[in-house]
Amino acid sequence: MLPSKCADGWVSDCVTIMHPLFAQPAWTSVFVNAVSLALLVASSVGLGLSQYSPQSKEGVGCELGEQPSTRPPSSSQSTKNMNNPPESECRVSLPGKIQGWIREDKPQIITEKSIFDYMDGAGELYIGYRFLRLDVYTYKFDDQNEIAVELYWMKSSDDAFGLLSQDWGGEPKELASPEIENHPVPAGEFPRALYGAGLLRIWSDNLYARVMATQETSSSQDVVMAIGRAVLAGRSRSSPPKLLTALPSDIKGSWSQRSERLCFLRSHLVMNSVYFLSTENLLDLGLPVEAISTVYDLDSGKKPRPSVRFLLVRYPGSKEAQKAVGHFMNVYLPEKAKVPPSISPPSNNPDAVQIEDGWLGYQLCGRYLILVFESPDRETAASFVENCKKNLHAAEESYD
């Protein structure tokens, strides 16, 4: 059970309520936009909320609290509080020539201001993370064949992981050496590199890289892999975002988390690319915020298998989290926001509301917001919320 308050105040109040896409250069946008459209069409949900507050360390006493009456401003995607990493951390050593492929001397430098000129749309999905700059190199073999190398330098490893997590499609590759490239990724680990259709995508510390051949051949694939190894040479093997440690892991029944449907994000535009909520930024997502969207499947023998969409958000503080809840309720479910405190259910158990897509569950604990969508019943929604609550304290300690 979460304490009602810790020394740093990270769980200062509790509210209980039940209720992938890649920006591409022009020459690759057709294929990826088709995949992204399928994701957007497949995702749609509605939400509803009611609010509570904590009373003791031993239990979560529930009383319907007053909702914030003013709608907070949306978190700006341009809001930044970052110091750029040392230049040595934003540099790789690419060979000038590989098997006849010759690299151009100087890269094209893309900034936040010029990324929309470089991208064929969807530049927002890159600067939706803490983006520093993009270096673009080109290898040429003849007048027609090219290999583009895009190095996206990010503020942190979490941001680079987030870019890779927008799409786990492709074959995992281990690029430490050619001898183990085709070895499977160890159980419980996320792949650092994925390859498919001539495109190699890499996450390495604060770097997200894309290496793509305009024409895929056995020769070009060898060169793409060689460039990938050069990108990774001497770089550290970072861990996934700390927020992942708070995900539910022991749900009643045979529920399993689908790692290929997990996305780390900060922006509502990225959120909508993996699970559409609204054209408006209802949850006040932004660069200072961390969030995880994922899917859990029930091994029930039914086809298609029942699934639950789970979302966990970490705000800079409890005040920001409370404002986000107020914004969400006032815009999306105004009738719930106006419920008088006198009719609050006298129960420590999560309440539940059934909507068109199933049961919706929610809990706000300090700076953390837990959302469960499309649950098959009230009990399952409550189980996901309670399981995540047990992991929040350990997750928060990992940030210290």
Protein backbone atom coordinates (compact mmCIF):
# COMPACT_ATOMS: atom_id res chain seq x y z
CA MET A 1 0.00 0.00 0.00
CA LEU A 2 1.39 3.44 -0.88
CA PRO A 3 2.13 5.84 1.97
CA SER A 4 0.04 8.98 2.00
CA LYS A 5 3.20 11.10 2.14
CA CYS A 6 6.91 10.46 1.80
CA ALA A 7 9.80 12.68 2.82
CA ASP A 8 9.95 14.32 -0.57
CA GLY A 9 6.18 14.59 -0.80
CA TRP A 10 5.94 12.56 -4.01
CA VAL A 11 2.73 10.88 -2.86
CA SER A 12 1.08 13.91 -1.36
CA ASP A 13 -2.45 13.04 -2.38
CA CYS A 14 -4.40 10.26 -4.02
CA VAL A 15 -7.33 10.42 -6.40
CA THR A 16 -9.20 7.23 -7.18
CA ILE A 17 -11.47 7.02 -10.18
CA MET A 18 -12.74 4.00 -12.02
CA HIS A 19 -14.66 4.50 -14.74
CA PRO A 20 3.67 4.46 -33.37
CA LEU A 21 4.31 6.34 -36.13
CA PHE A 22 7.61 7.55 -37.60
CA ALA A 23 8.41 10.86 -39.27
CA GLN A 24 10.15 9.97 -42.50
CA PRO A 25 12.12 11.67 -45.21
CA ALA A 26 10.03 12.04 -48.35
CA TRP A 27 11.35 8.88 -49.97
CA THR A 28 10.11 6.59 -47.17
CA SER A 29 6.87 8.26 -46.12
CA VAL A 30 4.43 6.19 -48.18
CA PHE A 31 5.15 2.88 -46.47
CA VAL A 32 5.28 4.24 -42.91
CA ASN A 33 2.26 6.48 -43.30
CA ALA A 34 0.21 3.44 -44.30
CA VAL A 35 1.32 1.63 -41.13
CA SER A 36 0.63 4.69 -39.00
CA LEU A 37 -2.84 5.13 -40.48
CA ALA A 38 -3.68 1.57 -39.51
CA LEU A 39 -2.60 2.30 -35.94
CA LEU A 40 -4.69 5.44 -35.76
CA VAL A 41 -7.80 3.81 -37.18
CA ALA A 42 -7.45 0.90 -34.77
CA SER A 43 -7.32 3.11 -31.67
CA SER A 44 -10.27 4.98 -30.15
CA VAL A 45 -11.57 5.33 -26.57
CA GLY A 46 -13.75 7.41 -24.24
CA LEU A 47 -13.09 8.19 -20.56
CA GLY A 48 -14.90 9.24 -17.41
CA LEU A 49 -13.66 10.20 -13.93
CA SER A 50 -14.46 10.99 -10.28
CA GLN A 51 -12.00 12.25 -7.62
CA TYR A 52 -10.85 11.16 -4.14
CA SER A 53 -8.18 11.96 -1.52
CA PRO A 54 -6.03 9.89 0.91
CA GLN A 55 -6.49 9.70 4.66
CA SER A 56 -3.87 7.32 6.08
CA LYS A 57 -0.83 5.19 5.32
CA GLU A 58 -2.72 2.01 6.10
CA GLY A 59 -5.53 2.53 3.60
CA VAL A 60 -6.77 4.87 0.93
CA GLY A 61 -9.84 6.58 2.33
CA CYS A 62 -12.03 7.84 -0.48
CA GLU A 63 -13.98 11.06 -0.47
CA LEU A 64 -15.00 12.84 -3.61
CA GLY A 65 -12.87 15.96 -3.78
CA GLU A 66 -13.57 19.27 -5.45
CA GLN A 67 -12.37 19.35 -9.02
CA PRO A 68 -10.08 22.18 -10.15
CA SER A 69 -12.42 24.82 -11.55
CA THR A 70 -9.98 26.31 -14.04
CA ARG A 71 -8.53 24.53 -17.00
CA PRO A 72 -4.72 24.54 -16.87
CA PRO A 73 -2.74 25.55 -19.91
CA SER A 74 -1.48 22.69 -22.05
CA SER A 75 2.18 21.76 -21.59
CA SER A 76 4.06 23.39 -24.44
CA GLN A 77 6.08 21.11 -26.68
CA SER A 78 8.70 23.83 -26.83
CA THR A 79 9.11 24.05 -23.03
CA LYS A 80 12.61 22.83 -22.24
CA ASN A 81 14.73 22.65 -19.11
CA MET A 82 17.82 20.91 -20.34
CA ASN A 83 21.56 21.27 -20.57
CA ASN A 84 22.99 19.86 -23.76
CA PRO A 85 25.18 16.78 -23.27
CA PRO A 86 28.92 17.27 -23.87
CA GLU A 87 29.87 17.29 -27.54
CA SER A 88 31.76 14.02 -26.98
CA GLU A 89 28.42 12.36 -26.21
CA CYS A 90 26.93 13.56 -29.50
CA ARG A 91 29.48 12.12 -31.86
CA VAL A 92 30.12 8.83 -33.64
CA SER A 93 32.97 7.75 -35.91
CA LEU A 94 31.61 6.67 -39.28
CA PRO A 95 33.99 5.12 -41.81
CA GLY A 96 34.61 7.17 -44.93
CA LYS A 97 34.37 4.13 -47.20
CA ILE A 98 32.76 0.69 -46.83
CA GLN A 99 32.89 -1.91 -49.61
CA GLY A 100 32.89 0.75 -52.30
CA TRP A 101 30.25 2.93 -50.62
CA ILE A 102 31.69 6.43 -50.07
CA ARG A 103 30.45 8.81 -47.38
CA GLU A 104 30.01 12.51 -48.04
CA ASP A 105 32.46 14.59 -46.04
CA LYS A 106 30.08 16.73 -43.99
CA PRO A 107 26.68 15.93 -42.53
CA GLN A 108 23.53 17.93 -42.99
CA ILE A 109 22.65 19.44 -39.61
CA ILE A 110 18.93 19.56 -38.80
CA THR A 111 17.63 21.60 -35.85
CA GLU A 112 14.21 21.87 -34.25
CA LYS A 113 13.52 24.87 -36.47
CA SER A 114 14.52 23.15 -39.72
CA ILE A 115 13.20 19.64 -39.04
CA PHE A 116 9.89 20.39 -40.78
CA ASP A 117 11.78 21.33 -43.93
CA TYR A 118 13.63 18.01 -43.82
CA MET A 119 10.69 15.78 -42.87
CA ASP A 120 7.81 14.96 -45.17
CA GLY A 121 5.40 15.80 -42.35
CA ALA A 122 5.25 14.47 -38.76
CA GLY A 123 8.29 16.34 -37.46
CA GLU A 124 6.21 16.89 -34.30
CA LEU A 125 6.67 13.24 -33.41
CA TYR A 126 10.43 13.75 -33.09
CA ILE A 127 10.39 17.06 -31.22
CA GLY A 128 7.67 15.52 -29.05
CA TYR A 129 10.72 14.14 -27.24
CA ARG A 130 13.64 16.21 -25.93
CA PHE A 131 15.32 16.62 -29.30
CA LEU A 132 18.76 18.25 -29.61
CA ARG A 133 19.68 17.92 -33.27
CA LEU A 134 19.79 15.57 -36.26
CA ASP A 135 22.95 14.77 -38.26
CA VAL A 136 22.33 13.30 -41.72
CA TYR A 137 25.10 11.49 -43.66
CA THR A 138 24.85 9.97 -47.13
CA TYR A 139 26.81 7.04 -48.55
CA LYS A 140 26.84 6.64 -52.35
CA PHE A 141 27.80 3.63 -54.42
CA ASP A 142 26.86 4.85 -57.88
CA ASP A 143 24.56 7.47 -59.32
CA GLN A 144 21.43 5.66 -58.14
CA ASN A 145 22.17 3.77 -54.92
CA GLU A 146 22.38 5.61 -51.61
CA ILE A 147 22.40 4.80 -47.90
CA ALA A 148 21.12 7.54 -45.60
CA VAL A 149 22.38 7.68 -42.00
CA GLU A 150 20.26 9.76 -39.60
CA LEU A 151 21.64 10.39 -36.12
CA TYR A 152 19.01 11.84 -33.77
CA TRP A 153 20.75 13.27 -30.71
CA MET A 154 18.38 13.43 -27.75
CA LYS A 155 18.55 14.81 -24.21
CA SER A 156 18.52 11.35 -22.60
CA SER A 157 18.46 7.64 -23.26
CA ASP A 158 14.74 7.65 -22.37
CA ASP A 159 14.02 9.98 -25.28
CA ALA A 160 15.98 7.81 -27.73
CA PHE A 161 14.20 4.71 -26.39
CA GLY A 162 10.89 6.47 -26.93
CA LEU A 163 11.61 7.03 -30.61
CA LEU A 164 12.40 3.34 -31.13
CA SER A 165 9.37 2.29 -29.09
CA GLN A 166 6.94 3.96 -31.49
CA ASP A 167 7.30 0.90 -33.72
CA TRP A 168 8.82 -2.45 -32.68
CA GLY A 169 8.40 -3.88 -36.17
CA GLY A 170 11.34 -5.58 -37.84
CA GLU A 171 13.84 -8.26 -36.94
CA PRO A 172 15.85 -7.66 -33.74
CA LYS A 173 19.58 -7.38 -34.37
CA GLU A 174 22.48 -7.63 -31.95
CA LEU A 175 25.21 -5.47 -33.49
CA ALA A 176 27.99 -5.94 -30.95
CA SER A 177 29.77 -8.16 -33.49
CA PRO A 178 28.90 -9.93 -36.75
CA GLU A 179 29.17 -13.34 -35.05
CA ILE A 180 26.18 -12.76 -32.73
CA GLU A 181 24.04 -10.49 -34.93
CA ASN A 182 21.37 -13.13 -35.45
CA HIS A 183 21.20 -14.31 -31.85
CA PRO A 184 17.80 -13.76 -30.24
CA VAL A 185 17.33 -10.88 -27.81
CA PRO A 186 17.55 -12.19 -24.21
CA ALA A 187 14.20 -12.69 -22.50
CA GLY A 188 12.96 -9.58 -20.74
CA GLU A 189 15.18 -7.22 -22.73
CA PHE A 190 14.16 -4.75 -25.39
CA PRO A 191 16.05 -4.94 -28.69
CA ARG A 192 18.60 -2.19 -29.31
CA ALA A 193 18.34 -2.53 -33.07
CA LEU A 194 15.60 -3.57 -35.51
CA TYR A 195 15.97 -4.28 -39.22
CA GLY A 196 13.40 -4.63 -41.99
CA ALA A 197 12.97 -3.68 -45.64
CA GLY A 198 16.41 -2.09 -45.86
CA LEU A 199 15.93 0.05 -42.74
CA LEU A 200 18.01 -0.39 -39.56
CA ARG A 201 16.82 1.48 -36.46
CA ILE A 202 19.03 1.77 -33.36
CA TRP A 203 18.69 2.95 -29.76
CA SER A 204 22.02 3.62 -28.04
CA ASP A 205 22.10 5.79 -24.93
CA ASN A 206 21.00 9.32 -25.99
CA LEU A 207 21.18 8.43 -29.70
CA TYR A 208 18.43 7.17 -31.98
CA ALA A 209 19.76 6.24 -35.41
CA ARG A 210 18.22 5.22 -38.74
CA VAL A 211 20.31 3.64 -41.50
CA MET A 212 18.41 3.03 -44.73
CA ALA A 213 19.32 1.87 -48.24
CA THR A 214 17.24 3.19 -51.12
CA GLN A 215 17.53 -0.25 -52.77
CA GLU A 216 17.83 -3.31 -50.54
CA THR A 217 20.33 -5.91 -51.77
CA SER A 218 22.51 -8.44 -49.96
CA SER A 219 25.42 -6.08 -50.51
CA SER A 220 23.62 -3.00 -49.21
CA GLN A 221 22.37 -4.94 -46.17
CA ASP A 222 25.95 -5.87 -45.26
CA VAL A 223 26.95 -2.21 -45.49
CA VAL A 224 23.92 -1.08 -43.45
CA MET A 225 24.89 -3.53 -40.69
CA ALA A 226 28.52 -2.38 -40.81
CA ILE A 227 27.41 1.23 -40.41
CA GLY A 228 25.20 0.15 -37.51
CA ARG A 229 28.16 -1.44 -35.76
CA ALA A 230 30.18 1.74 -36.31
CA VAL A 231 27.36 3.79 -34.77
CA LEU A 232 27.34 1.58 -31.67
CA ALA A 233 31.11 1.30 -31.28
CA GLY A 234 32.19 2.51 -27.85
CA ARG A 235 28.71 3.54 -26.77
CA SER A 236 27.13 2.41 -23.52
CA ARG A 237 24.24 -0.07 -23.29
CA SER A 238 21.56 1.88 -21.46
CA SER A 239 18.59 0.59 -19.50
CA PRO A 240 14.96 1.27 -20.51
CA PRO A 241 13.13 4.17 -18.81
CA LYS A 242 12.67 3.81 -15.06
CA LEU A 243 8.93 4.30 -15.42
CA LEU A 244 8.64 0.81 -16.89
CA THR A 245 9.35 -0.69 -13.45
CA ALA A 246 5.91 0.51 -12.25
CA LEU A 247 3.94 -1.42 -14.86
CA PRO A 248 1.51 -4.06 -13.51
CA SER A 249 3.14 -7.48 -13.48
CA ASP A 250 0.89 -9.80 -11.49
CA ILE A 251 -2.72 -9.37 -12.58
CA LYS A 252 -5.47 -11.81 -11.61
CA GLY A 253 -5.96 -14.24 -14.47
CA SER A 254 -3.54 -14.91 -17.32
CA TRP A 255 -2.82 -11.34 -18.41
CA SER A 256 0.47 -10.74 -20.21
CA GLN A 257 2.01 -7.46 -21.25
CA ARG A 258 2.78 -7.16 -24.96
CA SER A 259 6.23 -5.62 -25.20
CA GLU A 260 5.78 -4.92 -28.93
CA ARG A 261 2.82 -2.65 -28.04
CA LEU A 262 4.73 -0.62 -25.43
CA CYS A 263 5.53 3.02 -26.18
CA PHE A 264 7.37 5.54 -23.99
CA LEU A 265 6.18 9.06 -24.79
CA ARG A 266 5.89 12.66 -23.68
CA SER A 267 3.67 14.22 -26.36
CA HIS A 268 -0.07 13.84 -26.94
CA LEU A 269 0.68 13.66 -30.68
CA VAL A 270 2.76 10.54 -30.10
CA MET A 271 0.06 9.27 -27.75
CA ASN A 272 -2.57 9.65 -30.45
CA SER A 273 -0.39 7.79 -32.94
CA VAL A 274 -0.46 4.68 -30.75
CA TYR A 275 -3.83 5.13 -29.01
CA PHE A 276 -6.15 7.93 -30.00
CA LEU A 277 -7.72 9.87 -27.13
CA SER A 278 -8.57 13.27 -28.56
CA THR A 279 -7.23 15.89 -30.92
CA GLU A 280 -6.84 18.03 -27.79
CA ASN A 281 -4.07 17.45 -25.24
CA LEU A 282 -6.49 16.22 -22.57
CA LEU A 283 -3.79 14.84 -20.23
CA ASP A 284 -1.48 17.88 -20.42
CA LEU A 285 1.35 15.81 -21.84
CA GLY A 286 4.57 17.64 -22.71
CA LEU A 287 8.36 17.50 -22.54
CA PRO A 288 8.60 17.50 -18.70
CA VAL A 289 6.13 14.57 -18.55
CA GLU A 290 6.84 10.83 -18.91
CA ALA A 291 4.22 8.32 -19.99
CA ILE A 292 3.93 4.69 -21.02
CA SER A 293 1.18 3.24 -23.18
CA THR A 294 0.95 -0.52 -23.53
CA VAL A 295 -1.43 -3.45 -24.04
CA TYR A 296 -2.16 -6.50 -21.90
CA ASP A 297 -3.72 -9.61 -23.44
CA LEU A 298 -5.75 -12.28 -21.67
CA ASP A 299 -4.80 -15.85 -22.52
CA SER A 300 -8.38 -17.09 -22.65
CA GLY A 301 -8.37 -19.28 -25.74
CA LYS A 302 -10.70 -16.83 -27.46
CA LYS A 303 -9.90 -15.22 -30.81
CA PRO A 304 -9.32 -12.35 -30.81
CA ARG A 305 -7.97 -12.42 -27.27
CA PRO A 306 -9.48 -9.90 -24.83
CA SER A 307 -7.10 -6.99 -24.25
CA VAL A 308 -6.71 -4.00 -21.94
CA ARG A 309 -4.99 -0.74 -22.78
CA PHE A 310 -2.88 0.57 -19.90
CA LEU A 311 -1.47 4.09 -19.54
CA LEU A 312 0.82 5.39 -16.80
CA VAL A 313 1.84 9.06 -16.62
CA ARG A 314 4.46 10.72 -14.39
CA TYR A 315 4.15 14.50 -14.04
CA PRO A 316 6.81 16.86 -12.63
CA GLY A 317 4.78 17.11 -9.42
CA SER A 318 1.42 16.45 -7.79
CA LYS A 319 0.10 19.93 -8.64
CA GLU A 320 0.68 19.35 -12.34
CA ALA A 321 -1.00 15.96 -12.06
CA GLN A 322 -4.05 17.41 -10.31
CA LYS A 323 -4.38 20.12 -12.96
CA ALA A 324 -4.20 17.50 -15.69
CA VAL A 325 -7.03 15.57 -14.04
CA GLY A 326 -9.10 18.73 -13.79
CA HIS A 327 -8.47 19.53 -17.44
CA PHE A 328 -9.39 16.02 -18.49
CA MET A 329 -12.60 15.91 -16.48
CA ASN A 330 -13.80 19.39 -17.34
CA VAL A 331 -13.35 18.79 -21.06
CA TYR A 332 -14.09 15.10 -21.50
CA LEU A 333 -16.54 14.30 -18.71
CA PRO A 334 -17.96 17.57 -17.36
CA GLU A 335 -20.96 15.85 -15.75
CA LYS A 336 -18.59 13.85 -13.51
CA ALA A 337 -16.64 16.97 -12.55
CA LYS A 338 -19.82 18.53 -11.15
CA VAL A 339 -20.79 15.63 -8.86
CA PRO A 340 -21.23 17.05 -5.30
CA PRO A 341 -18.93 15.64 -2.58
CA SER A 342 -21.92 14.51 -0.47
CA ILE A 343 -22.61 11.48 -2.65
CA SER A 344 -19.07 10.09 -2.54
CA PRO A 345 -19.08 6.28 -2.09
CA PRO A 346 -17.70 5.39 1.40
CA SER A 347 -15.32 2.74 0.08
CA ASN A 348 -11.58 2.25 -0.20
CA ASN A 349 -12.08 0.14 -3.32
CA PRO A 350 -11.85 1.72 -6.77
CA ASP A 351 -15.17 2.71 -8.28
CA ALA A 352 -15.96 1.77 -11.90
CA VAL A 353 -17.88 3.15 -14.83
CA GLN A 354 -18.84 1.16 -17.88
CA ILE A 355 -18.63 2.91 -21.23
CA GLU A 356 -18.93 1.79 -24.85
CA ASP A 357 -15.49 0.15 -25.01
CA GLY A 358 -15.71 -1.61 -21.63
CA TRP A 359 -14.82 -0.56 -18.10
CA LEU A 360 -12.55 2.40 -17.46
CA GLY A 361 -10.36 2.62 -14.37
CA TYR A 362 -8.24 5.50 -13.05
CA GLN A 363 -6.18 6.53 -10.06
CA LEU A 364 -4.04 9.56 -9.30
CA CYS A 365 -1.35 9.15 -6.63
CA GLY A 366 0.81 12.21 -6.17
CA ARG A 367 2.54 12.86 -9.48
CA TYR A 368 1.45 9.52 -10.99
CA LEU A 369 -1.71 9.00 -13.01
CA ILE A 370 -2.94 5.47 -13.78
CA LEU A 371 -5.46 4.80 -16.55
CA VAL A 372 -7.02 1.48 -17.58
CA PHE A 373 -9.08 1.36 -20.78
CA GLU A 374 -11.35 -1.29 -22.31
CA SER A 375 -11.35 -3.59 -19.28
CA PRO A 376 -13.83 -6.49 -19.58
CA ASP A 377 -15.17 -5.93 -16.04
CA ARG A 378 -14.91 -3.83 -12.90
CA GLU A 379 -12.71 -6.31 -11.03
CA THR A 380 -10.06 -6.47 -13.76
CA ALA A 381 -9.83 -2.68 -13.94
CA ALA A 382 -9.37 -2.51 -10.17
CA SER A 383 -6.73 -5.24 -10.26
CA PHE A 384 -4.61 -3.32 -12.79
CA VAL A 385 -4.85 -0.12 -10.76
CA GLU A 386 -3.99 -1.76 -7.44
CA ASN A 387 -1.10 -3.75 -8.92
CA CYS A 388 0.45 -0.62 -10.39
CA LYS A 389 0.06 1.26 -7.10
CA LYS A 390 2.22 -1.35 -5.37
CA ASN A 391 5.06 -0.64 -7.79
CA LEU A 392 4.98 3.16 -7.69
CA HIS A 393 7.06 3.69 -4.55
CA ALA A 394 9.94 1.54 -5.82
CA ALA A 395 9.73 3.21 -9.21
CA GLU A 396 9.94 6.67 -7.67
CA GLU A 397 12.94 5.68 -5.57
CA SER A 398 14.76 4.63 -8.74
CA TYR A 399 14.70 8.28 -9.90
CA ASP A 400 16.72 9.39 -6.85
